[in-house]
Protein backbone atom coordinates (compact mmCIF):
# COMPACT_ATOMS: atom_id res chain seq x y z
CA UNK A 1 22.96 2.96 -8.96
CA UNK A 2 22.01 6.69 -8.48
CA UNK A 3 22.80 8.35 -4.77
CA UNK A 4 19.23 8.44 -4.04
CA UNK A 5 18.33 4.77 -4.25
CA UNK A 6 21.29 4.28 -3.04
CA UNK A 7 20.66 6.21 -0.01
CA UNK A 8 17.16 4.44 -0.12
CA UNK A 9 18.30 0.95 0.12
CA UNK A 10 20.60 2.58 3.20
CA UNK A 11 17.47 3.25 4.76
CA UNK A 12 15.32 -0.15 4.13
CA UNK A 13 18.31 -1.99 5.08
CA UNK A 14 18.70 0.05 8.46
CA UNK A 15 14.58 -0.50 9.68
CA UNK A 16 15.49 -4.17 8.88
CA UNK A 17 17.23 -4.17 10.84
CA UNK A 18 15.70 -2.65 13.76
CA UNK A 19 12.86 -4.60 13.45
CA UNK A 20 14.55 -7.83 14.18
CA UNK A 21 16.24 -8.69 17.38
CA UNK A 22 19.30 -11.35 18.44
CA UNK A 23 17.22 -14.16 19.21
CA UNK A 24 15.37 -13.83 15.50
CA UNK A 25 18.71 -15.02 14.67
CA UNK A 26 19.51 -17.13 17.31
CA UNK A 27 22.18 -14.46 18.94
CA UNK A 28 22.12 -14.08 22.35
CA UNK A 29 20.76 -11.05 24.04
CA UNK A 30 24.73 -9.53 24.65
CA UNK A 31 23.19 -7.47 27.51
CA UNK A 32 21.56 -3.88 27.20
CA UNK A 33 21.68 -2.13 23.71
CA UNK A 34 21.09 1.24 23.44
CA UNK A 35 18.45 1.03 19.90
CA UNK A 36 16.41 -1.86 19.06
CA UNK A 37 17.31 -4.65 16.49
CA UNK A 38 20.81 -5.95 15.69
CA UNK A 39 23.67 -4.25 16.10
CA UNK A 40 25.68 -3.69 12.71
CA UNK A 41 28.33 -5.50 13.10
CA UNK A 42 25.99 -8.73 13.92
CA UNK A 43 24.30 -8.16 10.51
CA UNK A 44 27.51 -7.69 9.31
CA UNK A 45 28.98 -11.12 11.05
CA UNK A 46 25.81 -12.71 9.50
CA UNK A 47 25.63 -11.72 5.93
CA UNK A 48 29.81 -12.48 5.39
CA UNK A 49 31.14 -9.33 4.69
CA UNK A 50 32.99 -6.45 6.72
CA UNK A 51 31.29 -4.25 9.26
CA UNK A 52 32.90 -0.83 7.49
CA UNK A 53 31.55 -2.36 4.26
CA UNK A 54 28.41 -3.02 5.84
CA UNK A 55 27.93 0.47 7.67
CA UNK A 56 28.71 2.02 4.26
CA UNK A 57 25.82 0.06 2.23
CA UNK A 58 23.54 1.36 4.99
CA UNK A 59 24.60 5.27 5.03
CA UNK A 60 23.96 4.52 0.57
CA UNK A 61 27.95 5.30 0.33
CA UNK A 62 28.60 1.83 -2.15
CA UNK A 63 27.07 0.31 -4.41
CA UNK A 64 27.46 -4.15 -3.90
CA UNK A 65 27.22 -7.38 -5.37
CA UNK A 66 23.32 -9.52 -5.85
CA UNK A 67 25.49 -11.71 -3.45
CA UNK A 68 25.66 -9.00 -0.73
CA UNK A 69 22.48 -8.02 -1.31
CA UNK A 70 21.33 -11.31 -0.78
CA UNK A 71 23.36 -12.09 1.77
CA UNK A 72 21.97 -9.69 3.72
CA UNK A 73 18.56 -9.82 3.86
CA UNK A 74 18.76 -13.13 4.58
CA UNK A 75 20.99 -12.16 7.73
CA UNK A 76 17.77 -9.98 8.51
CA UNK A 77 15.35 -11.97 8.21
CA UNK A 78 13.53 -10.39 5.44
CA UNK A 79 10.31 -11.49 3.88
CA UNK A 80 10.15 -12.02 0.13
CA UNK A 81 8.59 -8.77 -1.03
CA UNK A 82 10.93 -6.77 1.33
CA UNK A 83 13.63 -8.96 -0.64
CA UNK A 84 12.64 -8.37 -3.94
CA UNK A 85 12.35 -4.67 -3.12
CA UNK A 86 15.99 -4.51 -1.45
CA UNK A 87 17.11 -6.14 -5.30
CA UNK A 88 14.99 -3.97 -7.30
CA UNK A 89 16.76 -0.56 -5.29
CA UNK A 90 19.80 -2.20 -5.73
CA UNK A 91 19.70 -2.44 -9.83
CA UNK A 92 19.48 -6.24 -9.89
CA UNK A 93 15.73 -6.05 -10.14
CA UNK A 94 13.44 -4.28 -13.08
CA UNK A 95 12.32 -1.40 -10.69
CA UNK A 96 8.12 -0.80 -9.59
CA UNK A 97 8.14 2.72 -11.34
CA UNK A 98 5.69 5.47 -11.30
CA UNK A 99 4.10 5.35 -14.22
CA UNK A 100 0.53 5.50 -14.72
CA UNK A 101 -1.48 5.53 -17.90
CA UNK A 102 -0.38 7.43 -21.29
CA UNK A 103 -0.47 10.53 -22.04
CA UNK A 104 -4.61 9.49 -23.37
CA UNK A 105 -5.21 8.66 -19.73
CA UNK A 106 -7.29 4.89 -18.77
CA UNK A 107 -7.85 2.75 -21.91
CA UNK A 108 -11.53 2.87 -23.24
CA UNK A 109 -10.45 -1.18 -22.83
CA UNK A 110 -9.65 -0.72 -18.99
CA UNK A 111 -12.84 1.88 -18.51
CA UNK A 112 -14.48 -0.73 -19.84
CA UNK A 113 -13.68 -3.56 -17.50
CA UNK A 114 -14.70 -1.81 -14.59
CA UNK A 115 -17.29 -0.28 -15.74
CA UNK A 116 -18.97 -3.90 -17.03
CA UNK A 117 -18.48 -5.02 -12.69
CA UNK A 118 -22.88 -4.03 -12.21
CA UNK A 119 -22.38 -4.48 -8.53
CA UNK A 120 -18.84 -4.80 -7.42
CA UNK A 121 -17.36 -1.16 -6.63
CA UNK A 122 -14.28 -1.24 -8.51
CA UNK A 123 -11.42 2.25 -8.18
CA UNK A 124 -8.89 2.43 -11.27
CA UNK A 125 -5.53 3.83 -10.08
CA UNK A 126 -1.56 4.77 -10.40
CA UNK A 127 1.18 3.20 -9.00
CA UNK A 128 0.72 5.59 -5.66
CA UNK A 129 -2.30 4.88 -5.68
CA UNK A 130 -3.97 8.07 -6.64
CA UNK A 131 -7.50 7.91 -8.15
CA UNK A 132 -8.27 8.26 -12.11
CA UNK A 133 -11.50 6.25 -12.85
CA UNK A 134 -14.34 4.73 -9.98
CA UNK A 135 -17.55 2.89 -11.23
CA UNK A 136 -21.12 2.80 -10.63
CA UNK A 137 -20.84 0.85 -7.80
CA UNK A 138 -17.91 2.70 -6.05
CA UNK A 139 -20.05 6.12 -6.26
CA UNK A 140 -22.94 4.13 -4.78
CA UNK A 141 -21.27 3.33 -1.36
CA UNK A 142 -18.07 5.95 -0.60
CA UNK A 143 -18.71 8.69 -3.26
CA UNK A 144 -17.87 10.31 -6.04
CA UNK A 145 -13.91 10.53 -6.28
CA UNK A 146 -14.51 13.33 -8.45
CA UNK A 147 -15.88 16.03 -5.91
CA UNK A 148 -12.37 16.18 -3.82
CA UNK A 149 -9.71 18.41 -3.97
CA UNK A 150 -7.42 17.05 -7.01
CA UNK A 151 -4.70 16.72 -4.76
CA UNK A 152 -7.06 14.61 -2.05
CA UNK A 153 -8.03 12.31 -5.22
CA UNK A 154 -6.61 9.22 -3.74
CA UNK A 155 -7.35 6.01 -2.23
CA UNK A 156 -4.64 6.50 0.78
CA UNK A 157 -5.58 9.63 2.08
CA UNK A 158 -9.63 9.24 1.02
CA UNK A 159 -9.45 6.08 3.90
CA UNK A 160 -7.62 7.76 6.84
CA UNK A 161 -9.63 11.21 6.55
CA UNK A 162 -12.83 8.91 6.22
CA UNK A 163 -15.23 8.57 2.80
CA UNK A 164 -17.56 10.72 2.10
CA UNK A 165 -20.03 8.62 0.88
CA UNK A 166 -23.31 7.35 2.98
CA UNK A 167 -20.84 4.31 3.93
CA UNK A 168 -18.11 3.76 6.46
CA UNK A 169 -15.09 1.10 7.04
CA UNK A 170 -15.65 -1.09 10.61
CA UNK A 171 -11.87 -1.20 10.51
CA UNK A 172 -9.82 -0.01 8.05
CA UNK A 173 -6.56 -0.06 9.89
CA UNK A 174 -5.60 -3.36 8.40
CA UNK A 175 -6.71 -2.30 5.18
CA UNK A 176 -4.92 0.98 5.02
CA UNK A 177 -1.71 -0.58 6.34
CA UNK A 178 -1.35 -2.65 3.61
CA UNK A 179 -2.26 0.06 1.00
CA UNK A 180 0.32 1.99 2.31
CA UNK A 181 2.95 -0.98 2.57
CA UNK A 182 1.87 -0.95 -1.30
CA UNK A 183 2.42 2.50 -2.08
CA UNK A 184 5.73 2.39 0.03
CA UNK A 185 7.29 -0.64 -1.86
CA UNK A 186 6.32 1.48 -5.10
CA UNK A 187 7.78 5.21 -4.37
CA UNK A 188 10.45 3.66 -2.93
CA UNK A 189 12.13 3.90 -6.21
CA UNK A 190 11.54 7.02 -7.16
CA UNK A 191 12.42 8.42 -3.25
CA UNK A 192 12.97 12.39 -4.89
CA UNK A 193 8.59 11.93 -6.32
CA UNK A 194 7.43 15.17 -5.97
CA UNK A 195 3.28 13.24 -5.75
CA UNK A 196 4.73 11.06 -3.21
CA UNK A 197 6.24 12.98 -1.19
CA UNK A 198 2.92 15.49 -1.02
CA UNK A 199 0.32 12.06 -0.48
CA UNK A 200 3.00 11.20 2.62
CA UNK A 201 2.54 15.03 3.67
CA UNK A 202 -1.14 14.79 3.45
CA UNK A 203 -1.29 11.03 5.27
CA UNK A 204 0.50 13.12 8.13
CA UNK A 205 -1.73 15.86 8.65
CA UNK A 206 -5.05 13.90 7.92
CA UNK A 207 -4.04 11.22 10.86
CA UNK A 208 -1.13 12.86 12.60
CA UNK A 209 -2.04 10.07 15.03
CA UNK A 210 -0.43 7.33 12.80
CA UNK A 211 2.98 9.62 12.06
CA UNK A 212 5.04 6.15 13.17
CA UNK A 213 2.88 4.54 10.32
CA UNK A 214 3.99 7.39 7.52
CA UNK A 215 7.49 7.08 8.75
CA UNK A 216 7.65 2.96 8.61
CA UNK A 217 9.84 1.84 5.80
CA UNK A 218 7.78 -1.98 5.57
CA UNK A 219 7.13 -2.84 2.09
CA UNK A 220 4.72 -5.85 0.88
CA UNK A 221 2.34 -6.37 -1.86
CA UNK A 222 -1.13 -5.66 -1.17
CA UNK A 223 -3.00 -8.98 -0.05
CA UNK A 224 -6.26 -9.30 -0.23
CA UNK A 225 -8.18 -8.22 2.50
CA UNK A 226 -11.94 -8.22 3.86
CA UNK A 227 -13.75 -5.94 6.37
CA UNK A 228 -16.83 -4.82 6.87
CA UNK A 229 -18.99 -2.08 5.73
CA UNK A 230 -21.74 -0.54 7.54
CA UNK A 231 -24.18 3.06 6.57
CA UNK A 232 -23.22 5.75 8.39
CA UNK A 233 -26.78 6.08 10.23
CA UNK A 234 -28.38 2.55 10.00
CA UNK A 235 -30.41 1.26 6.74
CA UNK A 236 -34.22 0.78 6.63
CA UNK A 237 -35.85 -2.41 6.07
CA UNK A 238 -32.38 -4.84 5.62
CA UNK A 239 -28.72 -5.67 6.93
CA UNK A 240 -26.96 -2.32 7.33
CA UNK A 241 -23.86 -4.08 6.98
CA UNK A 242 -21.73 -6.10 4.50
CA UNK A 243 -18.11 -7.65 4.00
CA UNK A 244 -16.05 -6.57 1.26
CA UNK A 245 -13.06 -8.59 -0.13
CA UNK A 246 -10.69 -5.58 -1.53
CA UNK A 247 -7.61 -6.92 -4.02
CA UNK A 248 -5.28 -4.99 -6.45
CA UNK A 249 -5.00 -6.33 -9.97
CA UNK A 250 -3.07 -5.46 -12.83
CA UNK A 251 -4.28 -5.11 -16.81
CA UNK A 252 -1.30 -6.43 -18.58
CA UNK A 253 -2.03 -4.65 -21.03
CA UNK A 254 -2.23 -1.66 -19.47
CA UNK A 255 1.27 -0.94 -17.78
CA UNK A 256 1.34 1.20 -14.72
CA UNK A 257 -2.45 1.37 -13.73
CA UNK A 258 -3.98 -0.73 -10.68
CA UNK A 259 -7.14 -2.27 -10.35
CA UNK A 260 -9.00 -2.30 -6.84
CA UNK A 261 -12.13 -4.67 -7.15
CA UNK A 262 -14.36 -5.00 -3.61
CA UNK A 263 -15.96 -8.13 -3.99
CA UNK A 264 -18.50 -9.10 -2.33
CA UNK A 265 -17.38 -11.58 0.68
CA UNK A 266 -20.89 -13.43 1.49
CA UNK A 267 -23.74 -14.01 -0.07
CA UNK A 268 -26.07 -11.08 2.14
CA UNK A 269 -23.35 -8.84 0.45
CA UNK A 270 -23.96 -9.24 -3.18
CA UNK A 271 -27.56 -9.58 -1.87
CA UNK A 272 -27.60 -5.99 -0.54
CA UNK A 273 -24.81 -4.69 -3.37
CA UNK A 274 -27.57 -6.09 -5.89
CA UNK A 275 -30.46 -3.70 -4.34
CA UNK A 276 -28.12 -1.08 -4.54
CA UNK A 277 -27.68 -1.15 -8.05
CA UNK A 278 -31.21 -1.67 -7.99
CA UNK A 279 -32.49 0.81 -6.49
CA UNK A 280 -29.37 3.06 -5.42
CA UNK A 281 -32.26 5.64 -2.82
CA UNK A 282 -33.11 1.87 -1.00
CA UNK A 283 -29.96 1.53 0.35
CA UNK A 284 -29.03 5.14 1.99
CA UNK A 285 -28.78 5.86 5.30
CA UNK A 286 -32.56 6.42 6.74
CA UNK A 287 -33.88 5.38 3.75
CA UNK A 288 -36.49 2.51 3.02
């Protein structure tokens, strides 16, 4: 295991240890604690390893067996996604590299797929959630990603800064949090990736109030997330809100590529998307 991956594994274990309390694993509080979470000696005892070995593991100083990683993850009550992440960092599962499309760009079949969805907004993304392509339905709601500076052409940055189009998320925090955990899952396998570091730096700049989130090491696969979307200035002659379910898909024929599909969550949302597709001007705020 490479030194940078050992350090990333250690940081992942340490963050998990700090999030779990003694009562979560059936231990007494043990008096006043100077730091949150379990003590290293408690994790070591629960996992059946020496304190010194567990300490070295957190410090990224040693490689270890799958049995030890599994035991530590069980001791830390890790969720399945976090457990798999630890195994991949330790070299026991295939990593999720920050790959993107091939040298010729996004495949024609993938582009035809998203452009074939006439009403459902969709994006093509790489593992860093950089935006590679958008269909017309996405541009009608959120603006054209091609209008953004290249370094800011990223889904996380767009959500953190606020989309440039005519619509806004009513409460985008669960969506942003879930996508950031997806980003962390991939970026953790390439801890020295300069683009991932640049995205994190730009997130700090866009949302300094969420600094704790950008420093958080929680990882998880993104679950389908439904959010309410409203027109920025209201619509005349119809509803100004719709509910969309955001889902990430992987085309099996194109490695390193993700599809973000924003499907209508109810008939009213489907009706508004269809109206926008027929006559985009009628769906713009202040027009009708």
